[in-house]
Protein backbone atom coordinates (compact mmCIF):
# COMPACT_ATOMS: atom_id res chain seq x y z
CA MET A 1 208.31 101.79 70.86
CA ASN A 2 208.94 105.41 71.54
CA GLU A 3 211.67 104.67 74.82
CA ASN A 4 210.18 107.70 76.67
CA SER A 5 206.53 106.10 75.77
CA ALA A 6 208.30 102.75 77.77
CA PRO A 7 207.97 103.34 81.86
CA HIS A 8 204.63 105.15 80.94
CA ASP A 9 202.99 102.02 79.41
CA LEU A 10 204.43 99.60 82.02
CA GLU A 11 203.21 101.86 84.56
CA ASP A 12 200.03 101.48 83.49
CA SER A 13 200.11 97.40 82.86
CA PRO A 14 197.99 95.15 85.39
CA SER A 15 200.39 93.62 88.06
CA LEU A 16 200.62 90.33 88.24
CA ASP A 17 198.72 91.04 91.77
CA ASP A 18 196.45 93.15 90.43
CA GLU A 19 195.33 90.15 88.03
CA ALA A 20 194.85 87.89 90.50
CA ARG A 21 193.13 90.11 92.65
CA MET A 22 191.05 90.44 89.64
CA HIS A 23 190.70 86.49 89.27
CA ALA A 24 189.80 86.41 92.65
CA GLN A 25 186.99 89.19 91.93
CA VAL A 26 185.47 87.06 89.38
CA GLN A 27 185.64 84.12 91.50
CA LYS A 28 184.15 85.77 94.67
CA LEU A 29 181.54 86.82 91.66
CA SER A 30 180.76 83.63 90.28
CA ASN A 31 180.23 82.06 93.46
CA ALA A 32 177.96 84.72 94.42
CA THR A 33 176.03 84.60 91.24
CA ASP A 34 175.86 80.96 92.42
CA GLU A 35 174.70 80.89 95.84
CA ILE A 36 172.09 83.54 94.48
CA VAL A 37 170.71 81.01 91.74
CA ALA A 38 170.63 77.94 94.60
CA ALA A 39 169.15 79.98 97.10
CA THR A 40 165.97 81.41 94.74
CA GLY A 41 165.35 77.85 93.29
CA GLN A 42 167.18 77.83 90.42
CA ALA A 43 169.98 76.70 87.78
CA PHE A 44 171.19 77.23 84.36
CA TYR A 45 171.63 74.74 81.44
CA ILE A 46 173.32 75.44 77.96
CA TRP A 47 171.22 72.92 75.79
CA GLU A 48 173.06 71.79 72.68
CA ILE A 49 170.45 70.54 70.48
CA ALA A 50 171.44 68.99 67.64
CA SER A 51 173.68 66.80 69.68
CA ASP A 52 171.34 66.42 72.85
CA ASP A 53 174.17 68.04 74.88
CA ILE A 54 173.15 69.78 78.38
CA GLU A 55 175.06 71.89 80.44
CA TRP A 56 174.31 72.21 83.06
CA SER A 57 175.01 75.18 86.05
CA ARG A 58 176.92 73.54 89.27
CA ASN A 59 173.81 73.44 91.71
CA PHE A 60 171.86 71.40 89.63
CA ALA A 61 171.79 68.10 90.49
CA ASN A 62 171.93 69.23 94.40
CA LEU A 63 168.44 71.16 93.14
CA VAL A 64 166.34 68.49 92.06
CA GLY A 65 167.75 65.68 94.52
CA LEU A 66 170.00 64.10 92.42
CA LYS A 67 173.59 62.33 92.53
CA PRO A 68 176.62 64.25 90.52
CA ASP A 69 177.06 61.11 88.29
CA GLU A 70 173.47 60.90 88.07
CA THR A 71 173.45 63.83 85.98
CA ARG A 72 177.52 64.26 84.61
CA HIS A 73 176.94 62.72 81.66
CA LEU A 74 172.84 63.51 81.25
CA LYS A 75 171.17 64.40 77.90
CA GLY A 76 168.56 67.27 77.41
CA ARG A 77 165.93 64.15 75.97
CA GLN A 78 166.74 61.85 78.60
CA PHE A 79 165.96 64.34 81.07
CA GLU A 80 162.81 64.84 79.96
CA SER A 81 162.31 61.27 80.34
CA MET A 82 162.57 61.43 83.82
CA LEU A 83 159.29 64.12 83.26
CA GLY A 84 156.24 62.67 85.37
CA SER A 85 152.50 62.09 83.47
CA GLN A 86 151.24 64.43 84.87
CA SER A 87 153.43 66.55 82.45
CA LYS A 88 151.00 68.70 79.94
CA GLU A 89 154.00 69.72 77.98
CA THR A 90 157.88 69.50 77.58
CA ARG A 91 161.12 71.51 76.85
CA PHE A 92 161.65 70.43 73.13
CA GLY A 93 157.77 70.18 72.78
CA VAL A 94 157.53 73.91 72.99
CA ILE A 95 160.76 74.49 71.29
CA ILE A 96 159.58 72.18 68.38
CA SER A 97 156.28 73.52 67.99
CA ALA A 98 156.54 76.68 68.67
CA ASP A 99 156.56 79.44 65.53
CA LYS A 100 159.66 79.68 62.84
CA PRO A 101 161.57 82.99 63.03
CA GLU A 102 161.32 85.73 60.83
CA THR A 103 164.98 86.09 60.95
CA SER A 104 167.65 83.81 61.45
CA THR A 105 168.96 85.14 64.43
CA ALA A 106 166.88 86.25 66.49
CA PRO A 107 166.09 84.12 69.43
CA VAL A 108 163.02 82.80 70.58
CA PRO A 109 161.47 82.72 74.14
CA TYR A 110 160.15 79.78 75.47
CA GLN A 111 158.38 78.62 78.77
CA CYS A 112 157.41 75.63 80.18
CA VAL A 113 155.86 73.68 83.32
CA TYR A 114 156.10 69.82 83.58
CA LEU A 115 156.54 67.83 86.83
CA PHE A 116 159.84 66.52 87.02
CA GLN A 117 159.36 62.45 88.66
CA PRO A 118 163.03 60.43 88.45
CA ASP A 119 162.52 56.71 88.84
CA THR A 120 166.26 57.19 90.38
CA GLU A 121 168.16 55.59 93.86
CA SER A 122 167.98 59.19 94.94
CA ASN A 123 164.23 58.60 95.81
CA THR A 124 163.93 61.99 94.95
CA SER A 125 160.54 63.88 95.40
CA PRO A 126 158.34 64.95 92.22
CA LEU A 127 159.00 68.46 91.39
CA TRP A 128 157.33 70.53 89.87
CA ILE A 129 159.48 72.86 87.66
CA GLU A 130 159.16 76.19 85.44
CA ASP A 131 161.41 76.14 82.58
CA THR A 132 162.28 79.64 80.87
CA GLY A 133 164.33 80.36 78.16
CA CYS A 134 165.52 81.80 74.47
CA TRP A 135 166.23 79.19 71.64
CA PHE A 136 168.84 80.20 68.55
CA PRO A 137 167.58 79.47 65.04
CA ASP A 138 170.39 78.33 62.82
CA LYS A 139 170.44 79.91 59.37
CA HIS A 140 167.42 77.54 58.58
CA GLY A 141 166.02 79.05 60.94
CA LYS A 142 165.47 75.60 62.74
CA PRO A 143 166.26 75.48 66.76
CA LEU A 144 170.06 75.27 66.94
CA ARG A 145 170.45 75.86 70.98
CA ALA A 146 169.17 77.09 73.67
CA GLU A 147 169.63 78.67 76.57
CA GLY A 148 167.87 78.74 80.20
CA SER A 149 167.21 78.20 83.47
CA ILE A 150 164.37 76.25 85.18
CA ARG A 151 162.31 77.21 88.77
CA ILE A 152 161.11 74.51 90.92
CA ILE A 153 157.41 76.29 91.46
CA ASN A 154 156.04 73.70 94.43
CA ASP A 155 154.18 75.77 96.48
CA ARG A 156 152.94 77.76 93.51
CA ARG A 157 151.99 74.91 92.43
CA GLN A 158 149.71 73.79 95.76
CA ARG A 159 148.75 77.05 95.32
CA GLU A 160 146.79 77.04 92.31
CA GLU A 161 146.06 73.10 92.68
CA ASP A 162 144.21 75.06 95.58
CA LEU A 163 142.36 77.67 94.31
CA ARG A 164 141.95 75.04 91.50
CA ARG A 165 139.69 72.78 94.48
CA GLN A 166 137.83 75.91 95.15
CA SER A 167 136.56 76.81 92.63
CA ASP A 168 135.68 72.94 91.86
CA PHE A 169 135.60 71.18 94.91
CA ASP A 170 132.58 72.10 98.03
CA ASP A 171 135.44 72.50 100.80
CA LEU A 172 132.68 70.36 103.83
CA THR A 173 132.01 67.64 101.32
CA GLY A 174 135.65 67.16 99.60
CA LEU A 175 132.99 66.59 96.60
CA PRO A 176 132.96 68.55 93.06
CA ASN A 177 130.64 71.72 93.47
CA ARG A 178 128.44 73.48 91.16
CA ARG A 179 130.83 75.09 88.40
CA SER A 180 131.95 71.46 88.32
CA LEU A 181 128.51 70.13 87.98
CA GLU A 182 127.56 72.05 84.98
CA LYS A 183 130.64 70.82 83.28
CA GLN A 184 129.77 67.87 83.69
CA LEU A 185 125.82 68.25 83.02
CA LYS A 186 127.12 69.98 79.64
CA LYS A 187 129.63 67.17 79.11
CA THR A 188 126.82 64.50 79.41
CA ILE A 189 124.11 65.99 77.42
CA GLU A 190 126.73 65.83 74.59
CA PHE A 191 127.61 62.64 74.44
CA ALA A 192 123.86 61.63 74.94
CA ALA A 193 122.79 63.65 72.77
CA ARG A 194 125.50 62.30 69.89
CA GLU A 195 125.39 58.48 70.61
CA GLY A 196 121.53 58.56 71.16
CA LEU A 197 121.75 57.32 74.66
CA VAL A 198 120.31 58.50 77.36
CA SER A 199 120.89 59.79 81.22
CA THR A 200 119.49 61.01 84.43
CA PHE A 201 119.92 63.84 86.23
CA MET A 202 118.72 64.10 89.78
CA MET A 203 118.38 66.57 92.76
CA LEU A 204 118.66 64.50 96.23
CA SER A 205 117.15 67.12 98.80
CA ILE A 206 118.16 66.62 102.47
CA GLY A 207 114.61 67.12 104.28
CA ARG A 208 114.32 69.15 108.11
CA MET A 209 118.26 70.28 107.54
CA ASP A 210 117.27 73.58 109.06
CA LEU A 211 115.47 71.84 112.11
CA ILE A 212 118.68 69.74 112.66
CA ASN A 213 121.28 72.91 112.30
CA ASP A 214 118.81 74.58 114.96
CA ILE A 215 118.23 71.63 117.17
CA HIS A 216 121.74 69.74 117.15
CA GLY A 217 124.20 72.64 115.38
CA PHE A 218 126.04 73.74 112.60
CA GLU A 219 128.72 70.83 113.39
CA ALA A 220 126.30 68.57 113.68
CA GLY A 221 124.50 69.13 110.62
CA ASP A 222 128.09 69.30 108.33
CA LYS A 223 128.49 65.93 109.78
CA VAL A 224 125.08 65.22 108.29
CA LEU A 225 125.47 66.29 104.86
CA LYS A 226 129.84 65.00 104.65
CA THR A 227 127.90 61.32 105.67
CA VAL A 228 125.61 61.87 103.12
CA GLY A 229 127.41 62.51 100.48
CA GLU A 230 129.48 59.48 101.43
CA ILE A 231 126.46 57.37 101.27
CA ILE A 232 125.81 58.23 98.65
CA CYS A 233 129.30 58.22 96.75
CA SER A 234 129.34 54.23 97.77
CA LYS A 235 125.82 53.01 95.97
CA LEU A 236 127.64 54.78 92.56
CA ARG A 237 129.36 52.73 89.05
CA ALA A 238 132.27 53.96 88.78
CA ASP A 239 131.10 56.74 86.34
CA ASP A 240 128.72 58.01 87.50
CA ILE A 241 129.07 61.63 89.22
CA ILE A 242 127.63 63.46 92.61
CA CYS A 243 128.20 67.15 93.30
CA ARG A 244 127.44 69.29 96.32
CA PHE A 245 124.80 71.55 94.11
CA SER A 246 124.33 73.58 97.68
CA GLY A 247 122.58 73.92 100.61
CA ALA A 248 120.88 69.98 101.72
CA LYS A 249 121.39 69.67 98.11
CA PHE A 250 123.15 67.18 95.61
CA GLY A 251 123.81 66.45 92.23
CA ILE A 252 123.85 63.34 90.60
CA ILE A 253 124.54 62.43 87.00
CA LEU A 254 123.55 58.85 86.14
CA LYS A 255 125.04 58.02 83.20
CA GLU A 256 123.26 55.77 80.66
CA CYS A 257 120.23 55.26 83.09
CA PRO A 258 116.61 55.03 80.68
CA PRO A 259 113.36 56.18 82.54
CA ALA A 260 112.44 52.14 83.25
CA GLU A 261 115.51 52.10 86.22
CA ILE A 262 114.99 56.12 87.34
CA TYR A 263 112.60 54.95 90.28
CA ASP A 264 115.05 51.86 91.04
CA ALA A 265 117.69 53.63 91.08
CA GLY A 266 116.42 56.76 93.07
CA ASN A 267 114.24 53.85 95.76
CA ARG A 268 118.05 52.25 96.56
CA LEU A 269 119.63 56.00 97.41
CA LEU A 270 117.48 57.45 99.72
CA ASN A 271 117.08 53.61 100.86
CA ALA A 272 120.81 53.93 101.74
CA ILE A 273 120.73 57.44 103.46
CA SER A 274 117.33 56.96 105.04
CA GLU A 275 118.51 54.04 106.85
CA LYS A 276 121.75 54.88 108.62
CA ILE A 277 121.09 56.91 111.51
CA ILE A 278 123.93 59.41 111.84
CA GLU A 279 126.06 60.05 114.89
CA THR A 280 127.65 63.17 116.12
CA ASP A 281 128.77 64.84 119.04
CA ASN A 282 125.41 66.10 119.59
CA GLY A 283 123.25 63.35 119.28
CA MET A 284 121.72 60.60 116.74
CA ILE A 285 120.30 62.05 113.68
CA PRO A 286 118.23 59.79 111.54
CA VAL A 287 118.55 61.46 108.15
CA ASN A 288 115.57 61.19 104.85
CA GLY A 289 115.07 63.01 101.20
CA VAL A 290 113.14 63.34 98.46
CA ILE A 291 114.87 63.23 94.71
CA GLY A 292 113.47 65.28 91.60
CA SER A 293 114.96 63.89 87.91
CA CYS A 294 114.97 64.74 84.59
CA PHE A 295 116.32 62.79 81.92
CA LEU A 296 118.96 64.16 79.48
CA PRO A 297 118.99 64.87 76.45
CA ARG A 298 115.42 65.36 77.00
CA HIS A 299 114.52 67.52 79.52
CA GLY A 300 117.18 69.96 79.44
CA GLU A 301 119.89 70.46 76.19
CA THR A 302 121.76 72.83 78.88
CA PRO A 303 123.47 72.62 82.29
CA ARG A 304 120.87 75.59 83.40
CA GLN A 305 117.76 73.60 81.61
CA ALA A 306 118.70 70.05 83.32
CA ILE A 307 118.93 72.07 86.58
CA HIS A 308 116.08 73.71 86.69
CA ALA A 309 114.51 70.66 85.32
CA ALA A 310 115.49 68.16 88.40
CA PHE A 311 114.54 71.47 90.63
CA LYS A 312 111.17 71.63 89.71
CA ALA A 313 110.34 67.67 89.99
CA THR A 314 112.86 68.19 93.17
CA ARG A 315 109.77 71.13 94.90
CA ASN A 316 106.45 68.30 93.43
CA ALA A 317 108.33 65.62 95.37
CA ARG A 318 108.64 67.70 98.26
CA ARG A 319 104.75 68.99 97.96
CA GLU A 320 103.64 65.98 97.90
CA ALA A 321 104.23 63.56 101.29
CA ALA A 322 103.08 60.07 99.39
CA ARG A 323 105.80 60.73 96.86
CA ARG A 324 109.99 59.96 97.45
CA ILE A 325 110.94 60.89 93.80
CA SER A 326 109.26 62.95 90.96
CA VAL A 327 110.21 62.89 87.22
CA TYR A 328 109.74 66.05 85.82
CA SER A 329 106.66 66.87 83.29
CA HIS A 330 108.09 68.58 80.43
CA SER A 331 104.33 69.22 79.28
CA GLN A 332 103.46 72.20 77.10
CA GLU A 333 100.89 73.22 79.43
CA ALA A 334 103.24 73.59 81.88
CA GLN A 335 106.01 75.01 79.80
CA ASP A 336 102.98 77.56 78.95
CA ALA A 337 102.26 78.31 82.86
CA PHE A 338 106.23 78.53 83.38
CA GLN A 339 106.65 80.73 80.76
CA THR A 340 103.65 83.09 81.58
CA LYS A 341 105.51 83.68 85.12
CA ALA A 342 108.50 84.67 83.78
CA LYS A 343 107.21 86.75 81.93
CA LEU A 344 104.67 88.02 84.72
CA THR A 345 108.15 88.53 86.94
CA THR A 346 109.17 91.28 84.55
CA THR A 347 106.45 93.43 84.53
CA VAL A 348 106.52 93.31 88.76
CA ILE A 349 109.63 94.58 88.41
CA LYS A 350 109.26 97.09 85.47
CA ALA A 351 105.70 97.99 87.34
CA ILE A 352 107.45 98.75 90.43
CA GLU A 353 110.43 100.54 88.56
CA GLU A 354 107.67 102.71 86.93
CA ASN A 355 105.62 103.38 89.82
CA ARG A 356 102.44 101.44 87.94
CA ILE A 357 101.93 99.63 91.51
CA GLN A 358 99.73 101.53 93.26
CA LEU A 359 97.91 101.40 96.56
CA ALA A 360 93.77 100.63 96.25
CA TYR A 361 91.87 101.59 99.14
CA GLN A 362 88.98 99.97 100.98
CA PRO A 363 86.48 101.04 103.41
CA VAL A 364 86.31 98.82 106.83
CA CYS A 365 83.19 100.12 108.86
CA LYS A 366 81.21 99.83 112.35
CA ALA A 367 78.22 97.92 113.23
CA ASP A 368 76.25 101.84 112.08
CA GLY A 369 78.29 101.62 109.06
CA THR A 370 80.31 104.38 109.44
CA ILE A 371 83.92 103.79 108.39
CA ALA A 372 86.33 103.37 110.74
CA PHE A 373 89.53 102.44 108.54
CA TYR A 374 90.69 101.42 104.73
CA GLU A 375 92.54 98.34 104.25
CA ALA A 376 95.56 99.12 101.25
CA LEU A 377 95.00 96.96 98.76
CA LEU A 378 97.63 96.38 95.74
CA ARG A 379 96.47 97.59 92.07
CA MET A 380 98.91 96.79 89.26
CA THR A 381 98.48 99.27 85.29
CA ASP A 382 99.83 97.41 82.78
CA GLU A 383 101.81 99.57 79.75
CA ALA A 384 98.33 98.98 78.00
CA GLY A 385 97.08 101.60 80.29
CA ILE A 386 94.26 98.08 82.15
CA THR A 387 94.28 97.74 85.94
CA ILE A 388 95.39 94.57 87.20
CA SER A 389 94.40 93.70 91.10
CA ALA A 390 96.69 92.12 93.08
CA GLY A 391 95.19 88.73 93.08
CA SER A 392 96.41 88.32 89.50
CA PHE A 393 100.63 88.74 90.41
CA VAL A 394 100.82 88.68 94.48
CA SER A 395 100.62 85.32 94.72
CA VAL A 396 103.18 84.00 91.86
CA ALA A 397 105.30 87.56 93.35
CA GLU A 398 105.43 84.77 96.28
CA GLU A 399 106.34 81.89 94.75
CA LEU A 400 109.22 83.46 92.55
CA GLY A 401 110.20 85.46 95.36
CA LEU A 402 109.90 88.61 94.81
CA ILE A 403 107.14 89.45 97.75
CA ARG A 404 109.80 90.81 99.28
CA ILE A 405 110.22 93.56 96.83
CA VAL A 406 106.95 93.71 96.55
CA ASP A 407 106.50 94.58 99.93
CA LYS A 408 108.83 97.42 100.26
CA HIS A 409 107.23 99.06 97.69
CA THR A 410 104.17 98.89 99.54
CA LEU A 411 104.76 99.81 102.50
CA SER A 412 106.81 102.88 101.19
CA LEU A 413 103.49 104.14 98.83
CA THR A 414 101.39 103.49 102.74
CA LEU A 415 103.72 105.52 104.87
CA ALA A 416 103.37 108.10 102.00
CA THR A 417 99.64 108.35 102.13
CA LEU A 418 100.04 108.34 105.77
CA ALA A 419 102.57 111.08 105.61
CA LYS A 420 100.28 113.19 103.04
CA TYR A 421 96.51 113.02 104.41
CA PRO A 422 96.35 112.85 108.59
CA ASN A 423 93.64 111.83 108.96
CA ALA A 424 93.87 108.25 106.58
CA VAL A 425 93.60 104.97 108.95
CA LEU A 426 95.19 102.00 106.87
CA SER A 427 95.94 98.57 107.25
CA VAL A 428 97.92 97.05 105.42
CA ASN A 429 99.12 93.06 104.73
CA VAL A 430 102.61 91.75 104.96
CA SER A 431 103.66 88.21 103.27
CA GLN A 432 105.49 85.32 105.74
CA ASP A 433 108.97 86.67 104.07
CA THR A 434 108.30 89.94 104.73
CA VAL A 435 107.83 88.53 108.53
CA LEU A 436 110.85 86.99 108.69
CA ASP A 437 112.64 90.24 107.00
CA PRO A 438 114.20 92.59 109.70
CA ASP A 439 114.85 95.44 107.09
CA TRP A 440 111.72 95.87 106.63
CA LEU A 441 110.75 96.30 110.35
CA SER A 442 113.22 99.03 110.50
CA ALA A 443 111.87 100.46 107.43
CA LEU A 444 108.45 100.67 108.92
CA ALA A 445 109.99 102.01 112.20
CA THR A 446 112.13 104.78 111.06
CA GLY A 447 109.86 105.53 108.68
CA LEU A 448 106.59 106.48 111.09
CA ALA A 449 109.09 107.78 113.20
CA ARG A 450 109.45 111.15 110.68
CA ILE A 451 105.48 111.14 110.54
CA ASP A 452 103.68 112.29 113.75
CA GLY A 453 100.98 109.79 115.29
CA ALA A 454 101.52 107.90 112.39
CA ALA A 455 101.45 105.26 113.79
CA LYS A 456 98.31 104.45 115.63
CA ARG A 457 96.87 105.04 112.49
CA LEU A 458 98.30 101.63 110.73
CA ILE A 459 96.76 98.16 111.21
CA VAL A 460 99.42 95.26 110.18
CA GLU A 461 97.72 91.88 108.78
CA ILE A 462 99.42 89.00 109.04
CA THR A 463 97.27 85.38 107.59
CA GLU A 464 96.23 82.98 110.21
CA SER A 465 98.37 80.21 108.11
CA MET A 466 101.12 82.76 108.96
CA ALA A 467 100.68 82.62 112.09
CA VAL A 468 100.11 79.14 112.69
CA THR A 469 103.23 78.03 110.64
CA GLU A 470 105.70 79.90 111.72
CA LEU A 471 104.45 80.44 115.51
CA GLU A 472 107.07 82.11 117.11
CA GLU A 473 108.60 84.25 114.36
CA THR A 474 104.85 84.90 114.08
CA LYS A 475 105.28 86.32 117.66
CA ARG A 476 108.20 88.56 118.17
CA PHE A 477 107.62 90.08 114.41
CA LEU A 478 104.26 91.53 116.62
CA GLU A 479 105.37 92.04 120.10
CA ASN A 480 108.02 94.30 117.49
CA ILE A 481 104.99 95.51 115.31
CA LYS A 482 102.78 96.66 118.62
CA ALA A 483 106.28 98.48 120.61
CA ILE A 484 106.28 100.49 117.38
CA GLY A 485 102.95 101.39 117.99
CA CYS A 486 100.80 99.87 115.35
CA ARG A 487 98.15 97.37 115.73
CA VAL A 488 97.78 94.21 114.69
CA ALA A 489 95.31 91.76 112.57
CA ILE A 490 95.07 88.30 111.95
CA ASP A 491 93.79 88.09 108.29
CA ASP A 492 91.52 85.32 106.51
CA PHE A 493 91.30 83.60 110.19
CA GLY A 494 88.94 80.20 110.13
CA ALA A 495 90.61 79.18 107.16
CA GLY A 496 92.93 76.66 109.60
CA PHE A 497 91.48 75.00 112.99
CA THR A 498 94.99 75.22 114.88
CA SER A 499 94.25 78.99 115.33
CA PHE A 500 92.83 79.55 119.10
CA SER A 501 95.39 77.10 120.48
CA ASN A 502 97.76 79.69 119.25
CA LEU A 503 95.89 83.09 119.64
CA LYS A 504 96.51 83.60 123.29
CA GLN A 505 100.31 83.41 122.45
CA LEU A 506 100.09 86.48 120.08
CA PRO A 507 99.50 89.89 120.81
CA VAL A 508 96.16 90.28 118.36
CA ASP A 509 93.91 93.88 118.47
CA ILE A 510 91.83 92.40 114.94
CA ILE A 511 90.85 89.20 113.67
CA LYS A 512 89.31 88.87 110.51
CA LEU A 513 87.43 86.19 109.59
CA ASP A 514 87.58 84.66 106.61
CA GLY A 515 85.26 85.73 103.91
CA SER A 516 84.44 82.55 102.04
CA PHE A 517 82.26 82.08 105.56
CA ALA A 518 80.13 85.06 104.44
CA ILE A 519 79.30 83.94 101.13
CA ASN A 520 75.42 83.31 101.46
CA LEU A 521 75.10 83.14 105.17
CA VAL A 522 72.02 84.38 105.65
CA GLY A 523 70.86 80.50 103.89
CA ASN A 524 74.41 78.31 104.81
CA GLU A 525 73.20 77.40 108.63
CA GLU A 526 76.81 75.75 108.79
CA ASN A 527 78.53 78.78 108.07
CA GLN A 528 76.55 80.27 110.65
CA ALA A 529 77.24 78.18 113.30
CA PHE A 530 81.09 78.33 112.87
CA VAL A 531 80.74 82.46 111.78
CA LYS A 532 79.20 81.87 115.61
CA ALA A 533 82.12 79.87 117.45
CA LEU A 534 84.61 82.16 116.14
CA LEU A 535 83.03 85.73 117.29
CA ALA A 536 82.27 84.04 120.70
CA LEU A 537 85.66 82.67 121.05
CA ALA A 538 86.84 86.05 119.58
CA LYS A 539 85.14 87.82 122.84
CA VAL A 540 86.49 85.53 125.14
CA PHE A 541 90.04 86.82 124.26
CA ASP A 542 88.76 90.88 123.95
CA ILE A 543 89.74 90.68 120.15
CA GLU A 544 87.76 92.71 117.70
CA THR A 545 86.06 90.96 114.59
CA VAL A 546 86.09 92.26 111.12
CA VAL A 547 83.96 89.39 108.45
CA GLU A 548 84.97 90.47 104.68
CA TRP A 549 83.02 89.55 101.64
CA VAL A 550 79.98 91.62 102.84
CA GLU A 551 77.86 91.29 100.11
CA ASP A 552 74.50 92.81 100.51
CA ILE A 553 72.09 94.58 103.03
CA GLU A 554 70.66 90.98 104.61
CA THR A 555 74.25 89.19 105.29
CA SER A 556 75.58 92.81 106.87
CA HIS A 557 72.48 92.86 109.27
CA LEU A 558 72.55 89.14 110.42
CA LEU A 559 76.53 89.99 111.63
CA LYS A 560 75.41 93.24 112.87
CA ASP A 561 72.75 91.31 115.35
CA TRP A 562 75.95 88.42 116.55
CA LYS A 563 77.19 91.94 117.12
CA VAL A 564 80.55 91.78 114.84
CA ASP A 565 82.85 95.12 115.00
CA TYR A 566 83.76 95.84 111.75
CA GLN A 567 82.50 94.18 108.12
CA GLN A 568 84.06 94.90 104.62
CA GLY A 569 83.20 94.07 101.23
CA HIS A 570 81.36 95.57 97.98
CA GLN A 571 77.88 96.87 100.16
CA PHE A 572 79.75 99.38 102.02
CA GLY A 573 82.07 100.54 99.32
CA ARG A 574 84.29 98.85 96.47
CA PRO A 575 88.38 99.38 96.40
CA GLN A 576 89.04 102.67 95.08
CA LEU A 577 92.36 104.22 93.62
CA THR A 578 91.66 107.72 94.69
CA PRO A 579 92.45 108.61 98.27
CA PRO A 580 89.33 109.33 100.05
CA TRP A 581 90.48 111.67 102.13
CA PRO A 582 91.34 115.50 101.95
CA GLU A 583 94.06 116.58 101.56
CA ILE A 584 95.77 118.88 104.70
CA ASP A 585 98.57 121.61 104.27
């Protein structure tokens, strides 16, 4: 060594004080790392797989709630023996089952989640753990050593469980929801088909739920639904399934329940809920229901088919007061009718989109034969160019929930006619669904405001049956129509027999007598007496009258003698697609 360089080397060498300082800094950094690791809910390990020896970071025992002497000689596989039964995987299983690396040196990442639930004197609470690391292969590609970390994820697991419950369970009743029901139906259908067995699917619908909510409040309604769910659960066998389908409907799967037992099972459930008077903060509430059922896999090879079958049966049970339980009828005739309706639904929507639904105009005449106004009737032109009357598709549109779309399209055509023909005076029909639709009323008001004098040229018609069954809603609707400036008519009047008791409550300008009374009126004394009575009562209320379906001159003269205000029918003109007014620029 050059003597001139020695002092320089000694000068650059760290002193003992420097080494102590560096050691202190390393120790401080190590302690800080341990604190960070502990604060973030982690611990590190090195696992020698062949010997099963595992070395943990110092915070491991405290992290998992064990005593230091319980972890001092803890082996890797021994640690896995402390995992709970809910664990779907283990570190050893994930590593052993992993694909072998292409090289003998590259580390292989892994991750698994398990429940740590040791049976020790420490009474450690169960911990969900996420285990992440890499294992290193030997020269043959087999696992040699693993290095990784564990993290406590109880909070995350709880959030995941909450999300799962929200996805699969109903918040109100705690029962499985429709999503779960469809999964269970799929399993039941597959099992029944495989084993040659019959299971039953029921749709139990609680009656008068809207009325319960209106009278007693939604909190009481919620109590009813929750209690009904509990009652049904108490009457089912261990392997039967109940789910809350939607609203006031419960889906029930009865495993291996043949047709011979369906009525006994259904009545047992219905009797159980009807016998219980449910006590709520807002009063005692009696409950009843109906059941629609189908057999699996006969009536449904998929969950959707089964639900559809049970839903149709429920609707049938609700329509027939004497029947509380209805079983789906899988007749070819019923299937053909369903397919026809489904096809017509598509046809109607497509016709609206392609502007193939038009207005036809039928005159409504005064006693002297002059035209007072025109009724706007719907006509649809099919893809072959054939014109179809409203009677062929409106009733189906009402049944399938399409009528609001049809009514909105009709309103659009009516407003366009009033705008284009200033001399046009029209009447237009609206459905019961539209009476309850504030959007339609808003569109009417907005549209009329854009057309000078249009409101006084429009008559809005509703049916008598609608006025009777939805009196309060109808009254509000008609009052709004009158406030806008339109007149109001009741169509098909006389088809019901409670109408005049309610008529004085409604702001009605015109009643249109049901056309069936005009058929063979000249030769039918009973119809004559009935029409005269209706006309006399209308006069008392100072309401104008229209008689429909006037087909001959004799009937027209008779009605004229009876002082009917207006007549409508083929005697005065058939509906025509060509607008009868001249355009005014």
